């Protein structure tokens, strides 16, 4: 197999595992008991057949838009940082595999620079959103 095919397959497996890891953790902590009871799921109505009360719990634990944005930003950072590290490592491997070839070194430098720019945009967007939310909260805007 070609080195680039192996690299694509390994990259796909790593990305796939990053996407499935939160699902696996969520499945392990889904709230369903060993007996199969689902008392934490459903609407807040009384079950007429068994007399049980079923309630719906907020899985995010937020009650405002700013709380939702904060949770989304934290999740994006939690997923984005390992991916950014992988891209930096990949750029480092490109430097090593260039072996003094000027064209390959140019591509490796460009890859590294694009990775750093992407990280800066990612962190900058998170910082701007956090500053806006904190500013509006301090100004007393309702609903945040």
N, C-alpha and C. Protein backbone atom coordinates (compact mmCIF):
# COMPACT_ATOMS: atom_id res chain seq x y z
N UNK A 1 0.83 -1.18 0.00
CA UNK A 1 0.00 0.00 0.00
C UNK A 1 0.88 1.25 0.00
N UNK A 2 0.39 2.26 -0.59
CA UNK A 2 1.08 3.53 -0.67
C UNK A 2 1.06 4.23 0.70
N UNK A 3 2.11 4.98 1.01
CA UNK A 3 2.21 5.67 2.29
C UNK A 3 1.05 6.65 2.48
N UNK A 4 0.65 7.34 1.43
CA UNK A 4 -0.41 8.32 1.55
C UNK A 4 -1.76 7.66 1.77
N UNK A 5 -1.97 6.46 1.23
CA UNK A 5 -3.21 5.74 1.50
C UNK A 5 -3.27 5.32 2.96
N UNK A 6 -2.15 4.86 3.48
CA UNK A 6 -2.09 4.48 4.89
C UNK A 6 -2.35 5.70 5.76
N UNK A 7 -1.76 6.84 5.38
CA UNK A 7 -1.94 8.07 6.14
C UNK A 7 -3.41 8.50 6.12
N UNK A 8 -4.06 8.39 4.97
CA UNK A 8 -5.48 8.76 4.89
C UNK A 8 -6.34 7.82 5.72
N UNK A 9 -6.04 6.53 5.67
CA UNK A 9 -6.81 5.57 6.44
C UNK A 9 -6.64 5.82 7.94
N UNK A 10 -5.39 6.03 8.37
CA UNK A 10 -5.13 6.28 9.79
C UNK A 10 -5.78 7.59 10.24
N UNK A 11 -5.69 8.61 9.41
CA UNK A 11 -6.34 9.88 9.74
C UNK A 11 -7.84 9.74 9.86
N UNK A 12 -8.43 8.97 8.95
CA UNK A 12 -9.87 8.73 9.01
C UNK A 12 -10.25 7.96 10.27
N UNK A 13 -9.45 6.98 10.65
CA UNK A 13 -9.74 6.22 11.86
C UNK A 13 -9.63 7.09 13.11
N UNK A 14 -8.62 7.96 13.16
CA UNK A 14 -8.46 8.84 14.31
C UNK A 14 -9.63 9.82 14.38
N UNK A 15 -9.99 10.42 13.26
CA UNK A 15 -11.12 11.36 13.23
C UNK A 15 -12.41 10.65 13.60
N UNK A 16 -12.60 9.45 13.08
CA UNK A 16 -13.79 8.67 13.38
C UNK A 16 -13.86 8.34 14.87
N UNK A 17 -12.72 8.01 15.47
CA UNK A 17 -12.71 7.70 16.90
C UNK A 17 -13.01 8.94 17.73
N UNK A 18 -12.55 10.12 17.31
CA UNK A 18 -12.86 11.35 18.03
C UNK A 18 -14.35 11.65 17.97
N UNK A 19 -14.98 11.31 16.84
CA UNK A 19 -16.40 11.57 16.71
C UNK A 19 -17.24 10.55 17.49
N UNK A 20 -16.76 9.31 17.60
CA UNK A 20 -17.53 8.28 18.28
C UNK A 20 -17.30 8.23 19.78
N UNK A 21 -16.19 8.76 20.26
CA UNK A 21 -15.89 8.70 21.69
C UNK A 21 -16.97 9.37 22.53
N UNK A 22 -17.44 10.58 22.19
CA UNK A 22 -18.52 11.16 23.01
C UNK A 22 -19.79 10.33 22.97
N UNK A 23 -20.09 9.69 21.84
CA UNK A 23 -21.27 8.85 21.77
C UNK A 23 -21.13 7.63 22.67
N UNK A 24 -19.95 7.04 22.70
CA UNK A 24 -19.73 5.87 23.55
C UNK A 24 -19.84 6.25 25.03
N UNK A 25 -19.29 7.40 25.40
CA UNK A 25 -19.38 7.85 26.79
C UNK A 25 -20.83 8.16 27.13
N UNK A 26 -21.54 8.79 26.21
CA UNK A 26 -22.95 9.10 26.45
C UNK A 26 -23.80 7.85 26.57
N UNK A 27 -23.48 6.81 25.82
CA UNK A 27 -24.22 5.56 25.91
C UNK A 27 -23.97 4.88 27.24
N UNK A 28 -22.74 5.00 27.75
CA UNK A 28 -22.42 4.37 29.03
C UNK A 28 -23.12 5.08 30.18
N UNK A 29 -23.40 6.36 30.05
CA UNK A 29 -24.04 7.14 31.10
C UNK A 29 -25.43 7.60 30.70
N UNK A 30 -26.18 6.75 30.02
CA UNK A 30 -27.45 7.19 29.45
C UNK A 30 -28.56 7.34 30.47
N UNK A 31 -28.40 6.81 31.67
CA UNK A 31 -29.44 6.96 32.67
C UNK A 31 -30.41 5.79 32.71
N UNK A 32 -30.26 4.83 31.85
CA UNK A 32 -31.12 3.67 31.87
C UNK A 32 -30.56 2.67 32.87
N UNK A 33 -31.38 2.22 33.78
CA UNK A 33 -30.95 1.29 34.81
C UNK A 33 -30.82 -0.12 34.28
N UNK A 34 -30.34 -1.01 35.13
CA UNK A 34 -30.15 -2.39 34.74
C UNK A 34 -31.49 -3.07 34.49
N UNK A 35 -32.55 -2.60 35.13
CA UNK A 35 -33.85 -3.21 34.94
C UNK A 35 -34.55 -2.69 33.70
N UNK A 36 -33.96 -1.73 33.02
CA UNK A 36 -34.56 -1.20 31.80
C UNK A 36 -35.55 -0.10 32.07
N UNK A 37 -35.62 0.41 33.29
CA UNK A 37 -36.57 1.48 33.59
C UNK A 37 -36.08 2.77 32.96
N UNK A 38 -37.01 3.56 32.49
CA UNK A 38 -36.67 4.83 31.84
C UNK A 38 -37.33 5.98 32.58
N UNK A 39 -37.12 6.06 33.87
CA UNK A 39 -37.79 7.07 34.67
C UNK A 39 -37.25 8.47 34.43
N UNK A 40 -36.09 8.60 33.78
CA UNK A 40 -35.53 9.93 33.53
C UNK A 40 -35.74 10.37 32.10
N UNK A 41 -36.65 9.73 31.40
CA UNK A 41 -36.83 10.04 29.99
C UNK A 41 -38.31 10.16 29.70
N UNK A 42 -38.66 11.11 28.87
CA UNK A 42 -40.06 11.26 28.48
C UNK A 42 -40.61 12.57 28.97
N UNK A 43 -41.90 12.76 28.78
CA UNK A 43 -42.54 14.01 29.16
C UNK A 43 -42.89 13.99 30.63
N UNK A 44 -43.22 15.13 31.17
CA UNK A 44 -43.56 15.24 32.58
C UNK A 44 -45.04 14.94 32.77
N UNK A 45 -45.45 13.76 32.42
CA UNK A 45 -46.84 13.33 32.55
C UNK A 45 -46.91 12.10 33.44
N UNK A 46 -48.07 11.88 34.01
CA UNK A 46 -48.25 10.66 34.79
C UNK A 46 -48.59 9.53 33.84
N UNK A 47 -47.94 8.40 34.02
CA UNK A 47 -48.19 7.23 33.20
C UNK A 47 -49.46 6.57 33.73
N UNK A 48 -50.51 6.51 32.91
CA UNK A 48 -51.79 6.02 33.39
C UNK A 48 -51.81 4.51 33.55
N UNK A 49 -50.95 3.79 32.86
CA UNK A 49 -50.99 2.34 32.97
C UNK A 49 -50.28 1.82 34.22
N UNK A 50 -49.19 2.47 34.64
CA UNK A 50 -48.47 1.97 35.80
C UNK A 50 -48.51 2.94 36.98
N UNK A 51 -49.01 4.13 36.80
CA UNK A 51 -49.09 5.09 37.88
C UNK A 51 -47.78 5.79 38.19
N UNK A 52 -46.75 5.59 37.35
CA UNK A 52 -45.46 6.23 37.58
C UNK A 52 -45.43 7.63 36.98
N UNK A 53 -44.63 8.48 37.55
CA UNK A 53 -44.41 9.81 37.00
C UNK A 53 -43.11 9.80 36.22
N UNK A 54 -43.14 10.29 35.00
CA UNK A 54 -41.96 10.31 34.14
C UNK A 54 -41.58 11.76 33.90
N UNK A 55 -40.30 12.09 34.11
CA UNK A 55 -39.85 13.47 33.91
C UNK A 55 -38.74 13.51 32.88
N UNK A 56 -38.65 14.63 32.21
CA UNK A 56 -37.60 14.87 31.23
C UNK A 56 -36.55 15.77 31.88
N UNK A 57 -35.31 15.28 31.91
CA UNK A 57 -34.22 16.06 32.49
C UNK A 57 -33.46 16.78 31.39
N UNK A 58 -33.00 17.98 31.68
CA UNK A 58 -32.22 18.75 30.73
C UNK A 58 -30.80 18.16 30.69
N UNK A 59 -30.40 17.54 29.58
CA UNK A 59 -29.09 16.89 29.56
C UNK A 59 -27.92 17.88 29.57
N UNK A 60 -28.13 19.10 29.12
CA UNK A 60 -27.05 20.08 29.08
C UNK A 60 -26.92 20.86 30.38
N UNK A 61 -28.00 20.96 31.11
CA UNK A 61 -27.95 21.70 32.36
C UNK A 61 -27.87 23.20 32.17
N UNK A 62 -28.38 23.72 31.06
CA UNK A 62 -28.37 25.16 30.81
C UNK A 62 -29.80 25.65 30.72
N UNK A 63 -29.99 26.91 31.10
CA UNK A 63 -31.33 27.49 31.01
C UNK A 63 -31.33 28.82 30.28
N UNK A 64 -30.22 29.14 29.58
CA UNK A 64 -30.14 30.40 28.85
C UNK A 64 -29.35 30.19 27.56
N UNK A 65 -29.49 31.15 26.67
CA UNK A 65 -28.78 31.08 25.39
C UNK A 65 -27.28 31.17 25.59
N UNK A 66 -26.85 32.03 26.50
CA UNK A 66 -25.41 32.17 26.73
C UNK A 66 -24.83 30.90 27.33
N UNK A 67 -25.60 30.22 28.16
CA UNK A 67 -25.14 28.94 28.70
C UNK A 67 -24.99 27.90 27.61
N UNK A 68 -25.91 27.93 26.63
CA UNK A 68 -25.83 26.99 25.51
C UNK A 68 -24.60 27.30 24.65
N UNK A 69 -24.37 28.58 24.38
CA UNK A 69 -23.19 28.96 23.59
C UNK A 69 -21.91 28.57 24.32
N UNK A 70 -21.89 28.76 25.63
CA UNK A 70 -20.73 28.38 26.43
C UNK A 70 -20.48 26.88 26.37
N UNK A 71 -21.54 26.08 26.47
CA UNK A 71 -21.39 24.62 26.38
C UNK A 71 -20.88 24.21 25.00
N UNK A 72 -21.40 24.83 23.95
CA UNK A 72 -20.97 24.50 22.58
C UNK A 72 -19.51 24.87 22.39
N UNK A 73 -19.09 26.05 22.87
CA UNK A 73 -17.69 26.47 22.75
C UNK A 73 -16.76 25.53 23.53
N UNK A 74 -17.18 25.13 24.71
CA UNK A 74 -16.35 24.20 25.49
C UNK A 74 -16.22 22.86 24.78
N UNK A 75 -17.32 22.38 24.18
CA UNK A 75 -17.26 21.11 23.44
C UNK A 75 -16.37 21.25 22.21
N UNK A 76 -16.48 22.38 21.51
CA UNK A 76 -15.65 22.60 20.32
C UNK A 76 -14.17 22.66 20.69
N UNK A 77 -13.85 23.30 21.80
CA UNK A 77 -12.46 23.37 22.24
C UNK A 77 -11.97 21.99 22.66
N UNK A 78 -12.82 21.25 23.35
CA UNK A 78 -12.46 19.90 23.80
C UNK A 78 -12.16 18.98 22.62
N UNK A 79 -12.87 19.14 21.54
CA UNK A 79 -12.64 18.33 20.34
C UNK A 79 -11.55 18.95 19.47
N UNK A 80 -11.50 20.28 19.40
CA UNK A 80 -10.58 20.96 18.49
C UNK A 80 -9.12 20.90 18.90
N UNK A 81 -8.84 20.93 20.19
CA UNK A 81 -7.44 20.94 20.63
C UNK A 81 -6.71 19.65 20.25
N UNK A 82 -7.27 18.46 20.50
CA UNK A 82 -6.55 17.26 20.05
C UNK A 82 -6.37 17.19 18.53
N UNK A 83 -7.35 17.66 17.79
CA UNK A 83 -7.23 17.66 16.33
C UNK A 83 -6.13 18.63 15.90
N UNK A 84 -6.06 19.80 16.55
CA UNK A 84 -5.00 20.76 16.23
C UNK A 84 -3.62 20.18 16.54
N UNK A 85 -3.51 19.47 17.65
CA UNK A 85 -2.23 18.83 18.00
C UNK A 85 -1.86 17.80 16.94
N UNK A 86 -2.84 17.04 16.48
CA UNK A 86 -2.56 16.05 15.43
C UNK A 86 -2.07 16.72 14.15
N UNK A 87 -2.66 17.86 13.80
CA UNK A 87 -2.21 18.56 12.59
C UNK A 87 -0.80 19.13 12.76
N UNK A 88 -0.47 19.57 13.96
CA UNK A 88 0.89 20.07 14.20
C UNK A 88 1.89 18.91 14.10
N UNK A 89 1.53 17.76 14.65
CA UNK A 89 2.39 16.58 14.55
C UNK A 89 2.54 16.16 13.09
N UNK A 90 1.44 16.21 12.34
CA UNK A 90 1.50 15.87 10.91
C UNK A 90 2.42 16.83 10.17
N UNK A 91 2.35 18.11 10.49
CA UNK A 91 3.26 19.08 9.87
C UNK A 91 4.71 18.78 10.24
N UNK A 92 4.95 18.36 11.48
CA UNK A 92 6.30 17.97 11.88
C UNK A 92 6.80 16.77 11.10
N UNK A 93 5.92 15.77 10.88
CA UNK A 93 6.31 14.62 10.07
C UNK A 93 6.63 15.04 8.63
N UNK A 94 5.88 16.02 8.12
CA UNK A 94 6.18 16.50 6.77
C UNK A 94 7.55 17.16 6.70
N UNK A 95 7.93 17.88 7.77
CA UNK A 95 9.28 18.46 7.82
C UNK A 95 10.34 17.36 7.81
N UNK A 96 10.09 16.30 8.59
CA UNK A 96 11.06 15.21 8.66
C UNK A 96 11.16 14.48 7.33
N UNK A 97 10.02 14.19 6.72
CA UNK A 97 10.01 13.44 5.46
C UNK A 97 10.49 14.28 4.27
N UNK A 98 10.59 15.60 4.44
CA UNK A 98 11.07 16.44 3.34
C UNK A 98 12.53 16.16 3.03
N UNK A 99 13.32 15.83 4.02
CA UNK A 99 14.72 15.46 3.88
C UNK A 99 15.52 16.45 3.04
N UNK A 100 15.28 17.74 3.26
CA UNK A 100 16.05 18.77 2.57
C UNK A 100 15.52 19.15 1.21
N UNK A 101 14.48 18.49 0.74
CA UNK A 101 13.88 18.82 -0.56
C UNK A 101 13.18 20.18 -0.43
N UNK A 102 13.62 21.19 -1.20
CA UNK A 102 13.06 22.54 -1.04
C UNK A 102 11.55 22.61 -1.29
N UNK A 103 11.06 21.86 -2.26
CA UNK A 103 9.62 21.89 -2.56
C UNK A 103 8.82 21.25 -1.42
N UNK A 104 9.32 20.14 -0.89
CA UNK A 104 8.63 19.48 0.22
C UNK A 104 8.71 20.33 1.49
N UNK A 105 9.84 21.00 1.70
CA UNK A 105 9.96 21.90 2.86
C UNK A 105 8.98 23.07 2.74
N UNK A 106 8.80 23.56 1.54
CA UNK A 106 7.86 24.65 1.31
C UNK A 106 6.43 24.20 1.64
N UNK A 107 6.08 22.98 1.22
CA UNK A 107 4.75 22.45 1.52
C UNK A 107 4.58 22.22 3.02
N UNK A 108 5.63 21.73 3.68
CA UNK A 108 5.57 21.49 5.13
C UNK A 108 5.40 22.81 5.88
N UNK A 109 6.15 23.85 5.46
CA UNK A 109 6.02 25.17 6.08
C UNK A 109 4.61 25.72 5.90
N UNK A 110 4.07 25.56 4.70
CA UNK A 110 2.72 26.05 4.42
C UNK A 110 1.69 25.30 5.27
N UNK A 111 1.86 23.98 5.41
CA UNK A 111 0.95 23.19 6.23
C UNK A 111 1.02 23.65 7.69
N UNK A 112 2.23 23.85 8.20
CA UNK A 112 2.39 24.29 9.58
C UNK A 112 1.78 25.67 9.79
N UNK A 113 2.04 26.59 8.85
CA UNK A 113 1.49 27.94 8.95
C UNK A 113 -0.04 27.91 8.91
N UNK A 114 -0.61 27.11 8.01
CA UNK A 114 -2.07 27.01 7.94
C UNK A 114 -2.66 26.42 9.22
N UNK A 115 -1.96 25.48 9.82
CA UNK A 115 -2.41 24.92 11.08
C UNK A 115 -2.41 25.97 12.18
N UNK A 116 -1.34 26.75 12.27
CA UNK A 116 -1.27 27.79 13.29
C UNK A 116 -2.34 28.86 13.05
N UNK A 117 -2.56 29.23 11.79
CA UNK A 117 -3.61 30.21 11.48
C UNK A 117 -4.98 29.66 11.87
N UNK A 118 -5.23 28.38 11.59
CA UNK A 118 -6.50 27.76 11.96
C UNK A 118 -6.71 27.74 13.46
N UNK A 119 -5.65 27.44 14.20
CA UNK A 119 -5.75 27.44 15.66
C UNK A 119 -6.04 28.86 16.16
N UNK A 120 -5.38 29.86 15.57
CA UNK A 120 -5.60 31.25 15.97
C UNK A 120 -7.04 31.68 15.70
N UNK A 121 -7.58 31.29 14.55
CA UNK A 121 -8.97 31.62 14.23
C UNK A 121 -9.92 30.93 15.20
N UNK A 122 -9.64 29.67 15.49
CA UNK A 122 -10.46 28.88 16.40
C UNK A 122 -10.49 29.49 17.80
N UNK A 123 -9.32 29.79 18.33
CA UNK A 123 -9.23 30.37 19.67
C UNK A 123 -9.78 31.80 19.68
N UNK A 124 -9.51 32.54 18.61
CA UNK A 124 -10.02 33.91 18.51
C UNK A 124 -11.53 33.97 18.48
N UNK A 125 -12.16 33.06 17.73
CA UNK A 125 -13.62 33.02 17.67
C UNK A 125 -14.20 32.68 19.03
N UNK A 126 -13.58 31.75 19.71
CA UNK A 126 -14.04 31.39 21.05
C UNK A 126 -13.89 32.57 22.01
N UNK A 127 -12.77 33.26 21.92
CA UNK A 127 -12.53 34.42 22.79
C UNK A 127 -13.53 35.54 22.51
N UNK A 128 -13.80 35.82 21.25
CA UNK A 128 -14.74 36.88 20.89
C UNK A 128 -16.14 36.55 21.39
N UNK A 129 -16.57 35.29 21.20
CA UNK A 129 -17.90 34.89 21.68
C UNK A 129 -17.99 35.00 23.19
N UNK A 130 -16.95 34.59 23.89
CA UNK A 130 -16.95 34.68 25.35
C UNK A 130 -17.00 36.13 25.81
N UNK A 131 -16.24 37.00 25.17
CA UNK A 131 -16.24 38.42 25.54
C UNK A 131 -17.61 39.04 25.30
N UNK A 132 -18.25 38.72 24.18
CA UNK A 132 -19.57 39.27 23.87
C UNK A 132 -20.59 38.81 24.91
N UNK A 133 -20.57 37.53 25.25
CA UNK A 133 -21.52 37.00 26.23
C UNK A 133 -21.30 37.64 27.59
N UNK A 134 -20.05 37.73 28.02
CA UNK A 134 -19.76 38.33 29.34
C UNK A 134 -20.14 39.81 29.36
N UNK A 135 -19.88 40.53 28.26
CA UNK A 135 -20.22 41.95 28.20
C UNK A 135 -21.72 42.16 28.28
N UNK A 136 -22.47 41.38 27.51
CA UNK A 136 -23.93 41.53 27.54
C UNK A 136 -24.50 41.13 28.89
N UNK A 137 -23.92 40.13 29.52
CA UNK A 137 -24.38 39.73 30.85
C UNK A 137 -24.10 40.83 31.86
N UNK A 138 -22.93 41.45 31.79
CA UNK A 138 -22.59 42.54 32.71
C UNK A 138 -23.47 43.77 32.49
N UNK A 139 -23.90 43.99 31.24
CA UNK A 139 -24.77 45.12 30.95
C UNK A 139 -26.21 44.87 31.38
N UNK A 140 -26.50 43.64 31.78
CA UNK A 140 -27.83 43.32 32.30
C UNK A 140 -28.82 42.96 31.23
N UNK A 141 -28.39 42.50 30.08
CA UNK A 141 -29.32 42.09 29.03
C UNK A 141 -30.06 40.85 29.49
N UNK A 142 -31.37 40.89 29.44
CA UNK A 142 -32.21 39.78 29.91
C UNK A 142 -32.18 38.65 28.88
N UNK A 143 -32.32 37.46 29.34
CA UNK A 143 -32.36 36.29 28.47
C UNK A 143 -31.01 35.64 28.25
N UNK A 144 -29.96 36.23 28.76
CA UNK A 144 -28.63 35.64 28.64
C UNK A 144 -28.33 34.96 29.93
